[in-house]
PDB file of N, CA and C in Angstrom:
ATOM      1  N   MET A   1       3.879  35.208 -10.519  1.00  0.00           N
ATOM      2  CA  MET A   1       4.450  34.017 -11.120  1.00  0.00           C
ATOM      3  C   MET A   1       4.502  32.907 -10.065  1.00  0.00           C
ATOM      4  N   LYS A   2       4.176  31.709 -10.503  1.00  0.00           N
ATOM      5  CA  LYS A   2       4.122  30.564  -9.615  1.00  0.00           C
ATOM      6  C   LYS A   2       5.525  29.989  -9.411  1.00  0.00           C
ATOM      7  N   LYS A   3       5.895  29.792  -8.153  1.00  0.00           N
ATOM      8  CA  LYS A   3       7.217  29.246  -7.845  1.00  0.00           C
ATOM      9  C   LYS A   3       7.139  27.728  -7.763  1.00  0.00           C
ATOM     10  N   ILE A   4       8.100  27.063  -8.352  1.00  0.00           N
ATOM     11  CA  ILE A   4       8.213  25.609  -8.274  1.00  0.00           C
ATOM     12  C   ILE A   4       9.145  25.291  -7.103  1.00  0.00           C
ATOM     13  N   PHE A   5       8.654  24.485  -6.177  1.00  0.00           N
ATOM     14  CA  PHE A   5       9.439  24.123  -4.995  1.00  0.00           C
ATOM     15  C   PHE A   5      10.132  22.792  -5.224  1.00  0.00           C
ATOM     16  N   SER A   6      11.356  22.701  -4.797  1.00  0.00           N
ATOM     17  CA  SER A   6      12.090  21.436  -4.889  1.00  0.00           C
ATOM     18  C   SER A   6      11.621  20.506  -3.774  1.00  0.00           C
ATOM     19  N   SER A   7      12.018  19.252  -3.891  1.00  0.00           N
ATOM     20  CA  SER A   7      11.631  18.283  -2.860  1.00  0.00           C
ATOM     21  C   SER A   7      12.259  18.641  -1.514  1.00  0.00           C
ATOM     22  N   VAL A   8      13.434  19.229  -1.533  1.00  0.00           N
ATOM     23  CA  VAL A   8      14.104  19.633  -0.294  1.00  0.00           C
ATOM     24  C   VAL A   8      13.323  20.764   0.375  1.00  0.00           C
ATOM     25  N   GLU A   9      12.860  21.718  -0.415  1.00  0.00           N
ATOM     26  CA  GLU A   9      12.071  22.831   0.135  1.00  0.00           C
ATOM     27  C   GLU A   9      10.742  22.332   0.693  1.00  0.00           C
ATOM     28  N   LYS A  10      10.107  21.415  -0.044  1.00  0.00           N
ATOM     29  CA  LYS A  10       8.834  20.846   0.430  1.00  0.00           C
ATOM     30  C   LYS A  10       9.040  20.106   1.751  1.00  0.00           C
ATOM     31  N   ALA A  11      10.135  19.362   1.843  1.00  0.00           N
ATOM     32  CA  ALA A  11      10.429  18.625   3.072  1.00  0.00           C
ATOM     33  C   ALA A  11      10.669  19.583   4.235  1.00  0.00           C
ATOM     34  N   ALA A  12      11.364  20.685   3.976  1.00  0.00           N
ATOM     35  CA  ALA A  12      11.629  21.660   5.030  1.00  0.00           C
ATOM     36  C   ALA A  12      10.334  22.275   5.540  1.00  0.00           C
ATOM     37  N   VAL A  13       9.427  22.584   4.625  1.00  0.00           N
ATOM     38  CA  VAL A  13       8.128  23.146   5.018  1.00  0.00           C
ATOM     39  C   VAL A  13       7.339  22.115   5.824  1.00  0.00           C
ATOM     40  N   ALA A  14       7.319  20.867   5.358  1.00  0.00           N
ATOM     41  CA  ALA A  14       6.579  19.811   6.058  1.00  0.00           C
ATOM     42  C   ALA A  14       7.150  19.575   7.453  1.00  0.00           C
ATOM     43  N   ILE A  15       8.455  19.572   7.568  1.00  0.00           N
ATOM     44  CA  ILE A  15       9.091  19.368   8.880  1.00  0.00           C
ATOM     45  C   ILE A  15       8.769  20.519   9.814  1.00  0.00           C
ATOM     46  N   ALA A  16       8.809  21.734   9.291  1.00  0.00           N
ATOM     47  CA  ALA A  16       8.460  22.896  10.114  1.00  0.00           C
ATOM     48  C   ALA A  16       7.018  22.794  10.603  1.00  0.00           C
ATOM     49  N   ALA A  17       6.127  22.310   9.733  1.00  0.00           N
ATOM     50  CA  ALA A  17       4.718  22.160  10.122  1.00  0.00           C
ATOM     51  C   ALA A  17       4.553  21.056  11.163  1.00  0.00           C
ATOM     52  N   MET A  18       5.327  19.982  11.037  1.00  0.00           N
ATOM     53  CA  MET A  18       5.212  18.869  11.984  1.00  0.00           C
ATOM     54  C   MET A  18       5.799  19.220  13.344  1.00  0.00           C
ATOM     55  N   LYS A  19       6.832  20.047  13.357  1.00  0.00           N
ATOM     56  CA  LYS A  19       7.453  20.432  14.626  1.00  0.00           C
ATOM     57  C   LYS A  19       6.477  21.188  15.506  1.00  0.00           C
ATOM     58  N   GLY A  20       5.709  22.078  14.907  1.00  0.00           N
ATOM     59  CA  GLY A  20       4.723  22.829  15.670  1.00  0.00           C
ATOM     60  C   GLY A  20       5.274  24.041  16.384  1.00  0.00           C
ATOM     61  N   ASN A  21       6.522  24.403  16.155  1.00  0.00           N
ATOM     62  CA  ASN A  21       7.096  25.584  16.797  1.00  0.00           C
ATOM     63  C   ASN A  21       6.493  26.875  16.242  1.00  0.00           C
ATOM     64  N   LEU A  22       6.140  26.855  14.961  1.00  0.00           N
ATOM     65  CA  LEU A  22       5.554  28.015  14.295  1.00  0.00           C
ATOM     66  C   LEU A  22       4.125  27.697  13.884  1.00  0.00           C
ATOM     67  N   THR A  23       3.317  28.728  13.763  1.00  0.00           N
ATOM     68  CA  THR A  23       1.954  28.531  13.281  1.00  0.00           C
ATOM     69  C   THR A  23       1.991  28.405  11.759  1.00  0.00           C
ATOM     70  N   VAL A  24       0.907  27.906  11.193  1.00  0.00           N
ATOM     71  CA  VAL A  24       0.833  27.749   9.742  1.00  0.00           C
ATOM     72  C   VAL A  24       0.995  29.089   9.034  1.00  0.00           C
ATOM     73  N   PRO A  25       0.351  30.175   9.495  1.00  0.00           N
ATOM     74  CA  PRO A  25       0.576  31.461   8.827  1.00  0.00           C
ATOM     75  C   PRO A  25       2.036  31.925   8.896  1.00  0.00           C
ATOM     76  N   GLN A  26       2.713  31.646  10.006  1.00  0.00           N
ATOM     77  CA  GLN A  26       4.125  32.013  10.121  1.00  0.00           C
ATOM     78  C   GLN A  26       4.976  31.229   9.120  1.00  0.00           C
ATOM     79  N   ILE A  27       4.704  29.943   9.010  1.00  0.00           N
ATOM     80  CA  ILE A  27       5.435  29.108   8.052  1.00  0.00           C
ATOM     81  C   ILE A  27       5.145  29.579   6.636  1.00  0.00           C
ATOM     82  N   ALA A  28       3.875  29.898   6.367  1.00  0.00           N
ATOM     83  CA  ALA A  28       3.476  30.352   5.039  1.00  0.00           C
ATOM     84  C   ALA A  28       4.227  31.615   4.640  1.00  0.00           C
ATOM     85  N   SER A  29       4.360  32.562   5.555  1.00  0.00           N
ATOM     86  CA  SER A  29       5.065  33.802   5.218  1.00  0.00           C
ATOM     87  C   SER A  29       6.575  33.585   5.130  1.00  0.00           C
ATOM     88  N   GLN A  30       7.108  32.710   5.957  1.00  0.00           N
ATOM     89  CA  GLN A  30       8.544  32.450   5.949  1.00  0.00           C
ATOM     90  C   GLN A  30       8.984  31.781   4.647  1.00  0.00           C
ATOM     91  N   TYR A  31       8.201  30.809   4.163  1.00  0.00           N
ATOM     92  CA  TYR A  31       8.578  30.059   2.977  1.00  0.00           C
ATOM     93  C   TYR A  31       7.847  30.519   1.709  1.00  0.00           C
ATOM     94  N   ALA A  32       6.957  31.506   1.830  1.00  0.00           N
ATOM     95  CA  ALA A  32       6.162  32.015   0.707  1.00  0.00           C
ATOM     96  C   ALA A  32       5.344  30.897   0.065  1.00  0.00           C
ATOM     97  N   VAL A  33       4.620  30.182   0.920  1.00  0.00           N
ATOM     98  CA  VAL A  33       3.784  29.063   0.495  1.00  0.00           C
ATOM     99  C   VAL A  33       2.373  29.306   1.012  1.00  0.00           C
ATOM    100  N   HIS A  34       1.370  28.891   0.250  1.00  0.00           N
ATOM    101  CA  HIS A  34      -0.018  29.033   0.693  1.00  0.00           C
ATOM    102  C   HIS A  34      -0.259  28.074   1.863  1.00  0.00           C
ATOM    103  N   PRO A  35      -1.008  28.515   2.882  1.00  0.00           N
ATOM    104  CA  PRO A  35      -1.252  27.656   4.053  1.00  0.00           C
ATOM    105  C   PRO A  35      -1.874  26.300   3.713  1.00  0.00           C
ATOM    106  N   THR A  36      -2.744  26.263   2.710  1.00  0.00           N
ATOM    107  CA  THR A  36      -3.349  24.990   2.308  1.00  0.00           C
ATOM    108  C   THR A  36      -2.281  24.026   1.790  1.00  0.00           C
ATOM    109  N   GLN A  37      -1.330  24.560   1.050  1.00  0.00           N
ATOM    110  CA  GLN A  37      -0.262  23.734   0.497  1.00  0.00           C
ATOM    111  C   GLN A  37       0.602  23.146   1.605  1.00  0.00           C
ATOM    112  N   ILE A  38       0.777  23.899   2.673  1.00  0.00           N
ATOM    113  CA  ILE A  38       1.546  23.398   3.824  1.00  0.00           C
ATOM    114  C   ILE A  38       0.874  22.161   4.400  1.00  0.00           C
ATOM    115  N   GLY A  39      -0.438  22.213   4.533  1.00  0.00           N
ATOM    116  CA  GLY A  39      -1.186  21.057   5.045  1.00  0.00           C
ATOM    117  C   GLY A  39      -1.052  19.848   4.136  1.00  0.00           C
ATOM    118  N   HIS A  40      -1.093  20.073   2.823  1.00  0.00           N
ATOM    119  CA  HIS A  40      -0.947  18.961   1.875  1.00  0.00           C
ATOM    120  C   HIS A  40       0.434  18.323   1.987  1.00  0.00           C
ATOM    121  N   TRP A  41       1.463  19.159   2.040  1.00  0.00           N
ATOM    122  CA  TRP A  41       2.824  18.627   2.130  1.00  0.00           C
ATOM    123  C   TRP A  41       3.060  17.916   3.456  1.00  0.00           C
ATOM    124  N   LYS A  42       2.476  18.425   4.519  1.00  0.00           N
ATOM    125  CA  LYS A  42       2.617  17.786   5.830  1.00  0.00           C
ATOM    126  C   LYS A  42       1.967  16.394   5.800  1.00  0.00           C
ATOM    127  N   ASN A  43       0.747  16.317   5.265  1.00  0.00           N
ATOM    128  CA  ASN A  43       0.048  15.026   5.182  1.00  0.00           C
ATOM    129  C   ASN A  43       0.800  14.044   4.287  1.00  0.00           C
ATOM    130  N   GLN A  44       1.334  14.558   3.188  1.00  0.00           N
ATOM    131  CA  GLN A  44       2.092  13.718   2.277  1.00  0.00           C
ATOM    132  C   GLN A  44       3.351  13.179   2.969  1.00  0.00           C
ATOM    133  N   ALA A  45       4.034  14.025   3.722  1.00  0.00           N
ATOM    134  CA  ALA A  45       5.239  13.600   4.443  1.00  0.00           C
ATOM    135  C   ALA A  45       4.900  12.547   5.498  1.00  0.00           C
ATOM    136  N   LEU A  46       3.795  12.727   6.196  1.00  0.00           N
ATOM    137  CA  LEU A  46       3.395  11.739   7.205  1.00  0.00           C
ATOM    138  C   LEU A  46       3.078  10.399   6.554  1.00  0.00           C
ATOM    139  N   GLU A  47       2.445  10.417   5.402  1.00  0.00           N
ATOM    140  CA  GLU A  47       2.115   9.190   4.686  1.00  0.00           C
ATOM    141  C   GLU A  47       3.389   8.482   4.228  1.00  0.00           C
ATOM    142  N   ILE A  48       4.346   9.247   3.749  1.00  0.00           N
ATOM    143  CA  ILE A  48       5.631   8.674   3.328  1.00  0.00           C
ATOM    144  C   ILE A  48       6.349   8.049   4.522  1.00  0.00           C
ATOM    145  N   LEU A  49       6.301   8.708   5.667  1.00  0.00           N
ATOM    146  CA  LEU A  49       6.934   8.162   6.875  1.00  0.00           C
ATOM    147  C   LEU A  49       6.272   6.858   7.309  1.00  0.00           C
ATOM    148  N   LYS A  50       4.952   6.805   7.246  1.00  0.00           N
ATOM    149  CA  LYS A  50       4.244   5.575   7.629  1.00  0.00           C
ATOM    150  C   LYS A  50       4.669   4.413   6.752  1.00  0.00           C
ATOM    151  N   ARG A  51       4.729   4.641   5.438  1.00  0.00           N
ATOM    152  CA  ARG A  51       5.130   3.576   4.519  1.00  0.00           C
ATOM    153  C   ARG A  51       6.595   3.184   4.718  1.00  0.00           C
ATOM    154  N   GLY A  52       7.412   4.133   5.124  1.00  0.00           N
ATOM    155  CA  GLY A  52       8.826   3.852   5.321  1.00  0.00           C
ATOM    156  C   GLY A  52       9.100   2.934   6.492  1.00  0.00           C
ATOM    157  N   PHE A  53       8.207   2.901   7.468  1.00  0.00           N
ATOM    158  CA  PHE A  53       8.412   2.085   8.651  1.00  0.00           C
ATOM    159  C   PHE A  53       7.604   0.794   8.648  1.00  0.00           C
ATOM    160  N   THR A  54       6.979   0.443   7.530  1.00  0.00           N
ATOM    161  CA  THR A  54       6.245  -0.814   7.477  1.00  0.00           C
ATOM    162  C   THR A  54       7.218  -1.963   7.299  1.00  0.00           C
ATOM    163  N   ASP A  55       6.824  -3.104   7.774  1.00  0.00           N
ATOM    164  CA  ASP A  55       7.651  -4.302   7.674  1.00  0.00           C
ATOM    165  C   ASP A  55       7.376  -4.955   6.324  1.00  0.00           C
ATOM    166  N   LYS A  56       8.314  -4.861   5.418  1.00  0.00           N
ATOM    167  CA  LYS A  56       8.129  -5.390   4.077  1.00  0.00           C
ATOM    168  C   LYS A  56       8.068  -6.909   4.074  1.00  0.00           C
ATOM    169  N   ARG A  57       8.653  -7.535   5.067  1.00  0.00           N
ATOM    170  CA  ARG A  57       8.615  -9.001   5.130  1.00  0.00           C
ATOM    171  C   ARG A  57       7.188  -9.485   5.312  1.00  0.00           C
ATOM    172  N   LYS A  58       6.383  -8.773   6.082  1.00  0.00           N
ATOM    173  CA  LYS A  58       5.000  -9.184   6.286  1.00  0.00           C
ATOM    174  C   LYS A  58       4.231  -9.142   4.983  1.00  0.00           C
ATOM    175  N   LYS A  59       4.466  -8.134   4.176  1.00  0.00           N
ATOM    176  CA  LYS A  59       3.781  -8.019   2.897  1.00  0.00           C
ATOM    177  C   LYS A  59       4.186  -9.169   1.987  1.00  0.00           C
ATOM    178  N   GLU A  60       5.482  -9.485   1.950  1.00  0.00           N
ATOM    179  CA  GLU A  60       5.953 -10.580   1.126  1.00  0.00           C
ATOM    180  C   GLU A  60       5.351 -11.899   1.605  1.00  0.00           C
ATOM    181  N   ASN A  61       5.310 -12.111   2.914  1.00  0.00           N
ATOM    182  CA  ASN A  61       4.742 -13.338   3.460  1.00  0.00           C
ATOM    183  C   ASN A  61       3.259 -13.425   3.152  1.00  0.00           C
ATOM    184  N   HIS A  62       2.569 -12.317   3.224  1.00  0.00           N
ATOM    185  CA  HIS A  62       1.139 -12.313   2.939  1.00  0.00           C
ATOM    186  C   HIS A  62       0.893 -12.714   1.487  1.00  0.00           C
ATOM    187  N   GLU A  63       1.689 -12.191   0.592  1.00  0.00           N
ATOM    188  CA  GLU A  63       1.546 -12.523  -0.832  1.00  0.00           C
ATOM    189  C   GLU A  63       1.825 -14.001  -1.059  1.00  0.00           C
ATOM    190  N   GLN A  64       2.850 -14.517  -0.408  1.00  0.00           N
ATOM    191  CA  GLN A  64       3.197 -15.930  -0.550  1.00  0.00           C
ATOM    192  C   GLN A  64       2.085 -16.816   0.024  1.00  0.00           C
ATOM    193  N   GLU A  65       1.517 -16.438   1.147  1.00  0.00           N
ATOM    194  CA  GLU A  65       0.421 -17.208   1.741  1.00  0.00           C
ATOM    195  C   GLU A  65      -0.797 -17.215   0.831  1.00  0.00           C
ATOM    196  N   ARG A  66      -1.079 -16.076   0.188  1.00  0.00           N
ATOM    197  CA  ARG A  66      -2.223 -15.993  -0.723  1.00  0.00           C
ATOM    198  C   ARG A  66      -2.019 -16.931  -1.910  1.00  0.00           C
ATOM    199  N   ILE A  67      -0.808 -16.964  -2.464  1.00  0.00           N
ATOM    200  CA  ILE A  67      -0.514 -17.842  -3.594  1.00  0.00           C
ATOM    201  C   ILE A  67      -0.644 -19.307  -3.181  1.00  0.00           C
ATOM    202  N   MET A  68      -0.124 -19.643  -1.998  1.00  0.00           N
ATOM    203  CA  MET A  68      -0.231 -21.018  -1.502  1.00  0.00           C
ATOM    204  C   MET A  68      -1.688 -21.431  -1.330  1.00  0.00           C
ATOM    205  N   GLN A  69      -2.508 -20.523  -0.803  1.00  0.00           N
ATOM    206  CA  GLN A  69      -3.926 -20.825  -0.612  1.00  0.00           C
ATOM    207  C   GLN A  69      -4.606 -21.076  -1.947  1.00  0.00           C
ATOM    208  N   GLU A  70      -4.280 -20.267  -2.955  1.00  0.00           N
ATOM    209  CA  GLU A  70      -4.852 -20.470  -4.289  1.00  0.00           C
ATOM    210  C   GLU A  70      -4.435 -21.828  -4.860  1.00  0.00           C
ATOM    211  N   LEU A  71      -3.172 -22.199  -4.656  1.00  0.00           N
ATOM    212  CA  LEU A  71      -2.696 -23.482  -5.160  1.00  0.00           C
ATOM    213  C   LEU A  71      -3.396 -24.648  -4.460  1.00  0.00           C
ATOM    214  N   TYR A  72      -3.550 -24.579  -3.139  1.00  0.00           N
ATOM    215  CA  TYR A  72      -4.247 -25.643  -2.417  1.00  0.00           C
ATOM    216  C   TYR A  72      -5.701 -25.744  -2.866  1.00  0.00           C
ATOM    217  N   THR A  73      -6.330 -24.618  -3.131  1.00  0.00           N
ATOM    218  CA  THR A  73      -7.708 -24.620  -3.615  1.00  0.00           C
ATOM    219  C   THR A  73      -7.790 -25.294  -4.979  1.00  0.00           C
ATOM    220  N   THR A  74      -6.864 -24.966  -5.853  1.00  0.00           N
ATOM    221  CA  THR A  74      -6.843 -25.567  -7.189  1.00  0.00           C
ATOM    222  C   THR A  74      -6.602 -27.067  -7.109  1.00  0.00           C
ATOM    223  N   ILE A  75      -5.674 -27.487  -6.257  1.00  0.00           N
ATOM    224  CA  ILE A  75      -5.394 -28.918  -6.093  1.00  0.00           C
ATOM    225  C   ILE A  75      -6.630 -29.634  -5.570  1.00  0.00           C
ATOM    226  N   GLY A  76      -7.292 -29.061  -4.582  1.00  0.00           N
ATOM    227  CA  GLY A  76      -8.511 -29.672  -4.044  1.00  0.00           C
ATOM    228  C   GLY A  76      -9.599 -29.796  -5.097  1.00  0.00           C
ATOM    229  N   GLN A  77      -9.739 -28.776  -5.910  1.00  0.00           N
ATOM    230  CA  GLN A  77     -10.746 -28.802  -6.970  1.00  0.00           C
ATOM    231  C   GLN A  77     -10.412 -29.900  -7.979  1.00  0.00           C
ATOM    232  N   ARG A  78      -9.139 -30.015  -8.338  1.00  0.00           N
ATOM    233  CA  ARG A  78      -8.720 -31.048  -9.303  1.00  0.00           C
ATOM    234  C   ARG A  78      -8.958 -32.454  -8.730  1.00  0.00           C
ATOM    235  N   ASP A  79      -8.701 -32.622  -7.441  1.00  0.00           N
ATOM    236  CA  ASP A  79      -8.954 -33.924  -6.804  1.00  0.00           C
ATOM    237  C   ASP A  79     -10.430 -34.285  -6.868  1.00  0.00           C
ATOM    238  N   MET A  80     -11.280 -33.311  -6.605  1.00  0.00           N
ATOM    239  CA  MET A  80     -12.728 -33.566  -6.662  1.00  0.00           C
ATOM    240  C   MET A  80     -13.163 -33.922  -8.088  1.00  0.00           C
ATOM    241  N   GLU A  81     -12.631 -33.206  -9.068  1.00  0.00           N
ATOM    242  CA  GLU A  81     -12.964 -33.495 -10.468  1.00  0.00           C
ATOM    243  C   GLU A  81     -12.487 -34.891 -10.861  1.00  0.00           C
ATOM    244  N   LEU A  82     -11.294 -35.275 -10.414  1.00  0.00           N
ATOM    245  CA  LEU A  82     -10.741 -36.590 -10.711  1.00  0.00           C
ATOM    246  C   LEU A  82     -11.600 -37.692 -10.105  1.00  0.00           C
ATOM    247  N   GLN A  83     -12.030 -37.518  -8.858  1.00  0.00           N
ATOM    248  CA  GLN A  83     -12.899 -38.502  -8.215  1.00  0.00           C
ATOM    249  C   GLN A  83     -14.218 -38.631  -8.968  1.00  0.00           C
ATOM    250  N   TRP A  84     -14.774 -37.518  -9.390  1.00  0.00           N
ATOM    251  CA  TRP A  84     -16.039 -37.526 -10.126  1.00  0.00           C
ATOM    252  C   TRP A  84     -15.869 -38.281 -11.454  1.00  0.00           C
ATOM    253  N   LEU A  85     -14.753 -38.007 -12.158  1.00  0.00           N
ATOM    254  CA  LEU A  85     -14.498 -38.702 -13.422  1.00  0.00           C
ATOM    255  C   LEU A  85     -14.321 -40.204 -13.216  1.00  0.00           C
ATOM    256  N   LYS A  86     -13.618 -40.589 -12.151  1.00  0.00           N
ATOM    257  CA  LYS A  86     -13.421 -42.011 -11.867  1.00  0.00           C
ATOM    258  C   LYS A  86     -14.762 -42.700 -11.612  1.00  0.00           C
ATOM    259  N   LYS A  87     -15.668 -42.033 -10.897  1.00  0.00           N
ATOM    260  CA  LYS A  87     -16.994 -42.604 -10.639  1.00  0.00           C
ATOM    261  C   LYS A  87     -17.766 -42.759 -11.942  1.00  0.00           C
ATOM    262  N   LYS A  88     -17.705 -41.750 -12.809  1.00  0.00           N
ATOM    263  CA  LYS A  88     -18.421 -41.795 -14.077  1.00  0.00           C
ATOM    264  C   LYS A  88     -17.873 -42.880 -14.975  1.00  0.00           C
ATOM    265  N   ILE A  89     -16.543 -43.020 -15.030  1.00  0.00           N
ATOM    266  CA  ILE A  89     -15.934 -44.048 -15.859  1.00  0.00           C
ATOM    267  C   ILE A  89     -16.300 -45.418 -15.312  1.00  0.00           C
ATOM    268  N   GLY A  90     -16.282 -45.590 -14.012  1.00  0.00           N
ATOM    269  CA  GLY A  90     -16.670 -46.859 -13.410  1.00  0.00           C
ATOM    270  C   GLY A  90     -18.125 -47.180 -13.693  1.00  0.00           C
ATOM    271  N   PHE A  91     -18.993 -46.195 -13.701  1.00  0.00           N
ATOM    272  CA  PHE A  91     -20.411 -46.401 -14.014  1.00  0.00           C
ATOM    273  C   PHE A  91     -20.587 -46.800 -15.462  1.00  0.00           C
ATOM    274  N   LEU A  92     -19.823 -46.201 -16.349  1.00  0.00           N
ATOM    275  CA  LEU A  92     -19.922 -46.516 -17.776  1.00  0.00           C
ATOM    276  C   LEU A  92     -19.371 -47.908 -18.076  1.00  0.00           C
ATOM    277  N   GLU A  93     -18.289 -48.323 -17.384  1.00  0.00           N
ATOM    278  CA  GLU A  93     -17.692 -49.629 -17.609  1.00  0.00           C
ATOM    279  C   GLU A  93     -18.603 -50.754 -17.121  1.00  0.00           C
ATOM    280  N   SER A  94     -19.358 -50.514 -16.056  1.00  0.00           N
ATOM    281  CA  SER A  94     -20.219 -51.567 -15.503  1.00  0.00           C
ATOM    282  C   SER A  94     -21.523 -51.700 -16.277  1.00  0.00           C
ATOM    283  N   SER A  95     -21.866 -50.736 -17.108  1.00  0.00           N
ATOM    284  CA  SER A  95     -23.115 -50.788 -17.871  1.00  0.00           C
ATOM    285  C   SER A  95     -23.042 -51.685 -19.067  1.00  0.00           C
TER     286      SER A  95
END
């Protein structure tokens, strides 16, 4: 029968794997987990840790800068279209 592991149990296995005090087969027998699963949980825990230490302000600033750039591009495009229309209207009025 397949055992369902709680998040606490998965974290304990991942921490044991990251510590390196025991080998993967030792951890596998201690927690009754397949060695491949230990590697998956360890990688998943490392990925979660990386995301936990990212600076969220940089992401927010990056998003805001991208929006500002799009707005400046749109404004520039509208200015060019307006100038083109003014030239065309002036050409039509002088004819």
